[in-house]
Protein backbone atom coordinates (compact mmCIF):
# COMPACT_ATOMS: atom_id res chain seq x y z
CA MET A 1 -28.05 -27.54 17.08
CA GLN A 2 -25.39 -29.18 14.91
CA PHE A 3 -23.07 -27.15 12.70
CA VAL A 4 -21.35 -27.55 9.35
CA GLU A 5 -17.79 -26.26 9.21
CA ALA A 6 -16.39 -24.89 5.95
CA GLY A 7 -13.70 -22.36 5.26
CA GLY A 8 -13.26 -21.88 9.00
CA VAL A 9 -16.92 -20.90 9.43
CA ARG A 10 -19.48 -22.73 11.60
CA ILE A 11 -22.93 -22.67 10.01
CA PRO A 12 -26.00 -24.09 11.83
CA ILE A 13 -27.09 -27.20 9.91
CA LEU A 14 -30.80 -26.33 9.98
CA GLY A 15 -32.36 -22.93 9.39
CA LEU A 16 -35.49 -21.11 8.29
CA GLY A 17 -35.94 -19.96 4.70
CA THR A 18 -38.16 -16.88 4.27
CA TRP A 19 -38.89 -16.65 0.52
CA GLU A 20 -42.47 -15.41 -0.15
CA MET A 21 -42.96 -14.58 3.55
CA GLU A 22 -43.98 -11.02 4.34
CA GLY A 23 -45.26 -8.63 6.96
CA ARG A 24 -46.21 -9.77 10.44
CA ASP A 25 -46.30 -13.44 9.32
CA CYS A 26 -42.63 -13.21 8.44
CA SER A 27 -41.44 -11.52 11.63
CA ARG A 28 -43.57 -13.85 13.75
CA ALA A 29 -42.19 -16.96 12.02
CA VAL A 30 -38.60 -15.78 12.52
CA GLU A 31 -39.28 -14.96 16.16
CA GLN A 32 -40.96 -18.33 16.77
CA ALA A 33 -38.26 -20.30 14.94
CA LEU A 34 -35.50 -18.77 17.04
CA ARG A 35 -37.42 -19.45 20.25
CA LEU A 36 -37.78 -23.10 19.16
CA GLY A 37 -34.01 -23.45 18.75
CA TYR A 38 -33.33 -22.48 15.12
CA ARG A 39 -30.15 -20.44 14.80
CA LEU A 40 -29.98 -19.72 11.06
CA ILE A 41 -32.31 -17.36 9.18
CA ASP A 42 -32.07 -16.95 5.39
CA THR A 43 -33.42 -13.96 3.48
CA ALA A 44 -32.56 -11.96 0.34
CA GLN A 45 -32.91 -8.46 -1.07
CA ILE A 46 -35.41 -9.68 -3.68
CA TYR A 47 -37.68 -11.20 -0.97
CA GLU A 48 -38.42 -7.66 0.27
CA ASN A 49 -38.67 -8.88 3.87
CA GLU A 50 -35.27 -8.02 5.37
CA ARG A 51 -36.91 -5.46 7.68
CA GLU A 52 -39.36 -8.07 9.01
CA VAL A 53 -36.60 -10.67 9.39
CA GLY A 54 -34.54 -8.23 11.45
CA GLU A 55 -37.58 -7.43 13.57
CA GLY A 56 -38.21 -11.14 14.21
CA VAL A 57 -34.59 -11.63 15.31
CA ARG A 58 -34.90 -8.76 17.81
CA LEU A 59 -38.30 -9.89 19.13
CA SER A 60 -37.04 -13.44 19.74
CA GLY A 61 -34.83 -12.34 22.60
CA VAL A 62 -32.05 -14.62 21.33
CA PRO A 63 -28.70 -12.79 21.54
CA ARG A 64 -27.71 -11.52 18.08
CA ASN A 65 -24.33 -13.25 18.27
CA GLU A 66 -26.12 -16.62 18.51
CA VAL A 67 -28.06 -16.08 15.27
CA PHE A 68 -26.51 -16.77 11.84
CA LEU A 69 -28.10 -14.34 9.37
CA ILE A 70 -27.85 -14.85 5.61
CA THR A 71 -28.99 -12.43 2.92
CA LYS A 72 -28.37 -12.34 -0.82
CA VAL A 73 -27.50 -9.58 -3.31
CA TRP A 74 -29.90 -9.42 -6.27
CA THR A 75 -28.40 -9.60 -9.77
CA THR A 76 -29.26 -6.00 -10.72
CA HIS A 77 -26.91 -4.84 -7.94
CA PHE A 78 -23.76 -6.65 -9.12
CA ALA A 79 -21.90 -3.57 -10.45
CA PRO A 80 -19.37 -2.68 -7.71
CA ASN A 81 -20.70 0.69 -6.47
CA GLU A 82 -24.29 -0.53 -6.69
CA LEU A 83 -23.42 -3.71 -4.79
CA VAL A 84 -21.85 -1.79 -1.89
CA ARG A 85 -24.83 0.59 -1.75
CA SER A 86 -27.36 -2.25 -1.84
CA VAL A 87 -25.61 -4.11 0.99
CA LYS A 88 -25.58 -0.97 3.12
CA ASP A 89 -29.34 -0.79 2.48
CA SER A 90 -29.72 -4.44 3.54
CA VAL A 91 -27.84 -3.79 6.78
CA SER A 92 -30.05 -0.75 7.40
CA ARG A 93 -33.23 -2.80 6.86
CA LEU A 94 -32.00 -5.69 9.01
CA ARG A 95 -30.66 -3.23 11.58
CA SER A 96 -27.73 -5.60 11.88
CA GLU A 97 -24.55 -6.64 10.14
CA ILE A 98 -24.79 -9.81 8.04
CA ASP A 99 -23.13 -13.13 8.90
CA LEU A 100 -23.08 -14.49 5.35
CA LEU A 101 -23.71 -12.49 2.17
CA LEU A 102 -24.36 -14.38 -1.07
CA LEU A 103 -24.56 -13.54 -4.77
CA HIS A 104 -28.13 -14.71 -5.42
CA TRP A 105 -27.70 -15.92 -9.01
CA PRO A 106 -24.87 -15.66 -11.54
CA ASN A 107 -25.07 -12.53 -13.71
CA PRO A 108 -23.00 -12.75 -16.92
CA GLN A 109 -23.75 -9.06 -17.69
CA VAL A 110 -21.24 -7.90 -15.04
CA PRO A 111 -17.65 -9.23 -14.92
CA LEU A 112 -17.49 -11.69 -12.04
CA ALA A 113 -14.11 -10.35 -10.90
CA GLU A 114 -15.65 -6.88 -10.39
CA THR A 115 -18.61 -8.24 -8.44
CA LEU A 116 -16.38 -10.39 -6.22
CA GLY A 117 -14.09 -7.42 -5.63
CA ALA A 118 -17.10 -5.50 -4.34
CA MET A 119 -18.12 -8.47 -2.15
CA ALA A 120 -14.63 -8.40 -0.62
CA ARG A 121 -15.04 -4.65 -0.11
CA VAL A 122 -18.28 -5.02 1.89
CA LYS A 123 -16.54 -7.63 4.03
CA GLU A 124 -13.65 -5.21 4.66
CA LEU A 125 -16.21 -2.54 5.61
CA GLY A 126 -17.62 -4.88 8.27
CA LEU A 127 -21.05 -5.12 6.63
CA THR A 128 -20.76 -8.93 6.42
CA ARG A 129 -18.56 -11.44 8.18
CA HIS A 130 -18.42 -13.94 5.30
CA ILE A 131 -19.27 -14.14 1.59
CA GLY A 132 -20.50 -16.92 -0.67
CA LEU A 133 -22.53 -17.97 -3.70
CA SER A 134 -26.02 -19.14 -4.60
CA ASN A 135 -27.20 -21.00 -7.71
CA PHE A 136 -23.67 -21.25 -9.11
CA THR A 137 -22.79 -24.26 -11.24
CA VAL A 138 -19.52 -26.15 -10.66
CA ALA A 139 -17.75 -24.27 -13.48
CA LEU A 140 -18.95 -20.87 -12.22
CA MET A 141 -18.14 -21.81 -8.62
CA GLU A 142 -14.56 -22.70 -9.57
CA GLN A 143 -14.25 -19.50 -11.58
CA ALA A 144 -15.51 -17.48 -8.59
CA ILE A 145 -13.10 -19.20 -6.18
CA ALA A 146 -10.19 -18.34 -8.48
CA LEU A 147 -11.27 -14.69 -8.82
CA SER A 148 -12.39 -13.86 -5.28
CA PRO A 149 -9.98 -11.78 -3.15
CA GLU A 150 -11.69 -13.22 -0.04
CA PRO A 151 -12.55 -16.86 0.78
CA LEU A 152 -15.98 -18.04 -0.36
CA VAL A 153 -17.71 -20.27 2.17
CA CYS A 154 -20.75 -21.81 0.45
CA ASP A 155 -22.94 -22.44 -2.56
CA GLN A 156 -26.68 -22.32 -1.83
CA VAL A 157 -28.61 -24.42 -4.33
CA GLU A 158 -31.85 -26.31 -4.73
CA TYR A 159 -31.49 -29.81 -3.30
CA HIS A 160 -33.97 -32.49 -2.23
CA PRO A 161 -34.38 -36.23 -2.92
CA TYR A 162 -35.86 -35.65 -6.40
CA LEU A 163 -32.86 -33.64 -7.67
CA ASP A 164 -29.44 -35.21 -8.24
CA GLN A 165 -26.81 -32.68 -7.15
CA THR A 166 -23.84 -35.08 -6.94
CA LYS A 167 -21.51 -32.87 -9.00
CA VAL A 168 -22.17 -29.73 -6.96
CA ILE A 169 -21.79 -31.63 -3.67
CA GLU A 170 -18.44 -33.10 -4.78
CA ALA A 171 -17.18 -29.68 -5.93
CA CYS A 172 -18.20 -28.05 -2.63
CA ARG A 173 -16.33 -30.75 -0.69
CA THR A 174 -13.26 -30.42 -2.91
CA HIS A 175 -13.09 -26.66 -2.35
CA ASP A 176 -14.11 -26.69 1.35
CA LEU A 177 -17.40 -24.91 0.70
CA ALA A 178 -20.55 -25.62 2.67
CA MET A 179 -23.57 -26.60 0.62
CA ILE A 180 -26.86 -25.01 1.67
CA ALA A 181 -30.03 -26.68 0.36
CA TYR A 182 -33.07 -24.55 -0.44
CA SER A 183 -36.44 -26.20 -1.17
CA PRO A 184 -35.16 -29.20 0.87
CA ILE A 185 -38.63 -30.75 0.99
CA ALA A 186 -39.32 -29.99 -2.69
CA LYS A 187 -41.87 -27.28 -1.82
CA GLY A 188 -44.06 -29.87 -0.11
CA ARG A 189 -44.16 -32.29 -3.04
CA ILE A 190 -42.76 -35.05 -0.84
CA LYS A 191 -45.86 -35.23 1.40
CA GLY A 192 -47.60 -38.00 -0.51
CA ASP A 193 -44.49 -39.90 -1.60
CA ALA A 194 -45.01 -43.60 -0.83
CA THR A 195 -41.29 -44.32 -0.34
CA LEU A 196 -40.85 -41.45 2.11
CA ILE A 197 -44.06 -42.31 3.96
CA GLU A 198 -42.89 -45.91 4.39
CA ILE A 199 -39.40 -44.89 5.57
CA GLY A 200 -40.90 -42.32 7.93
CA ARG A 201 -43.28 -44.90 9.42
CA ARG A 202 -40.32 -46.99 10.57
CA TYR A 203 -38.90 -44.06 12.54
CA GLY A 204 -42.16 -42.43 13.61
CA LYS A 205 -41.35 -39.42 11.39
CA THR A 206 -43.02 -37.51 8.55
CA PRO A 207 -41.74 -37.45 4.94
CA ALA A 208 -40.46 -33.89 5.54
CA GLN A 209 -38.49 -35.01 8.59
CA VAL A 210 -37.01 -37.90 6.61
CA CYS A 211 -35.86 -35.49 3.86
CA LEU A 212 -34.30 -33.08 6.33
CA ARG A 213 -32.55 -35.91 8.18
CA TRP A 214 -31.18 -37.21 4.85
CA LEU A 215 -29.61 -33.80 4.20
CA ILE A 216 -28.22 -33.47 7.72
CA GLN A 217 -26.55 -36.88 7.44
CA GLN A 218 -24.79 -35.58 4.31
CA ASP A 219 -23.49 -32.57 6.32
CA ILE A 220 -25.61 -30.28 4.15
CA VAL A 221 -27.34 -27.22 5.62
CA ALA A 222 -31.12 -27.26 5.06
CA ILE A 223 -33.34 -24.16 5.08
CA PRO A 224 -36.98 -25.28 4.84
CA ARG A 225 -39.54 -22.49 4.66
CA THR A 226 -42.75 -22.41 6.68
CA SER A 227 -44.72 -19.84 8.66
CA LYS A 228 -46.79 -22.45 10.55
CA VAL A 229 -45.67 -22.99 14.15
CA GLU A 230 -46.46 -26.72 14.07
CA ARG A 231 -44.32 -27.13 10.94
CA LEU A 232 -41.48 -25.14 12.52
CA SER A 233 -41.57 -27.58 15.44
CA GLU A 234 -41.78 -30.59 13.14
CA ASN A 235 -38.86 -29.48 10.94
CA ILE A 236 -36.46 -29.02 13.85
CA ASP A 237 -37.42 -32.36 15.42
CA VAL A 238 -34.90 -34.30 13.32
CA PHE A 239 -31.96 -34.77 15.66
CA ASP A 240 -33.26 -37.80 17.59
CA PHE A 241 -33.00 -40.46 14.87
CA THR A 242 -30.56 -41.68 12.22
CA LEU A 243 -31.49 -43.05 8.81
CA SER A 244 -29.94 -46.41 7.99
CA ASP A 245 -27.53 -46.74 5.04
CA HIS A 246 -30.29 -48.63 3.23
CA ASP A 247 -32.78 -45.80 3.70
CA MET A 248 -30.20 -43.15 2.75
CA ALA A 249 -29.57 -45.10 -0.49
CA ALA A 250 -33.32 -45.29 -1.17
CA LEU A 251 -33.55 -41.48 -1.04
CA PHE A 252 -30.48 -41.05 -3.26
CA ALA A 253 -32.09 -43.40 -5.81
CA MET A 254 -35.05 -41.00 -6.18
CA GLY A 255 -32.90 -38.20 -7.63
CA SER A 256 -32.52 -37.22 -11.26
CA LYS A 257 -31.52 -34.23 -13.38
CA GLU A 258 -35.20 -33.68 -14.18
CA GLY A 259 -36.20 -33.11 -10.56
CA ARG A 260 -35.45 -29.37 -10.50
CA ILE A 261 -38.34 -27.13 -9.39
CA THR A 262 -36.76 -23.63 -9.40
CA ASP A 263 -35.64 -22.65 -12.89
CA PHE A 264 -35.73 -19.31 -14.68
CA GLY A 265 -34.80 -18.04 -18.12
CA PHE A 266 -31.75 -16.30 -16.63
CA ALA A 267 -30.55 -19.47 -14.86
CA PRO A 268 -27.12 -20.88 -15.80
CA GLN A 269 -26.65 -24.10 -17.76
CA TRP A 270 -27.14 -26.51 -14.86
CA ASP A 271 -24.73 -29.37 -14.08
């Protein structure tokens, strides 16, 4: 497994996302992924599957110190005391400390300085090794970096060939933050894409594998979600080929501001 280094932290470049996964399907997928060689598992309080994720990690037999576990604090828990309590609950459900704890979305209702102070506190308490952000725009990311008592190590955002995220990528590189891409295969929308099919044919790879390889070659962490064993195997089989500069450019050319899939009324004003 390759790693991305940012802020002194080594993050596996490919992981398993677990949004909308639940029950035995979730724990089985986590267990299977780790046995196949995945070393990063991403969950969140709002997914309501931290218990199952923790169970899957234990069932895999992979030593805990080899697994990089990410979870995210939901926005209703951003007030300092509530944040600390909610993270203790996450650790209890996971039955493990956290490697990287993220603020899931910006929440303008709670002063960011207070929330980041509480994030630093949970790090001091040993509940998480590192802290970071998710769904933060460039302006909010820079504000958070300035306010945080502890180093922030990433911004987790939607990113795939249909969505231009140039500004966020540049800001992450400027501030030595890793970028973690969720929905890296655009929730499966890439399957029938003629450009991706044609590029994949040249390498003997699927459109999903082409997308994941494109991200890896940008040094961006990708966390595709699937509970199917054959897809888990397919998604990790992306380290034996390299996209040409021409093919990389073809994927970049597909992106636009209109390509976003995940958007909510409470979302920030996107870059």
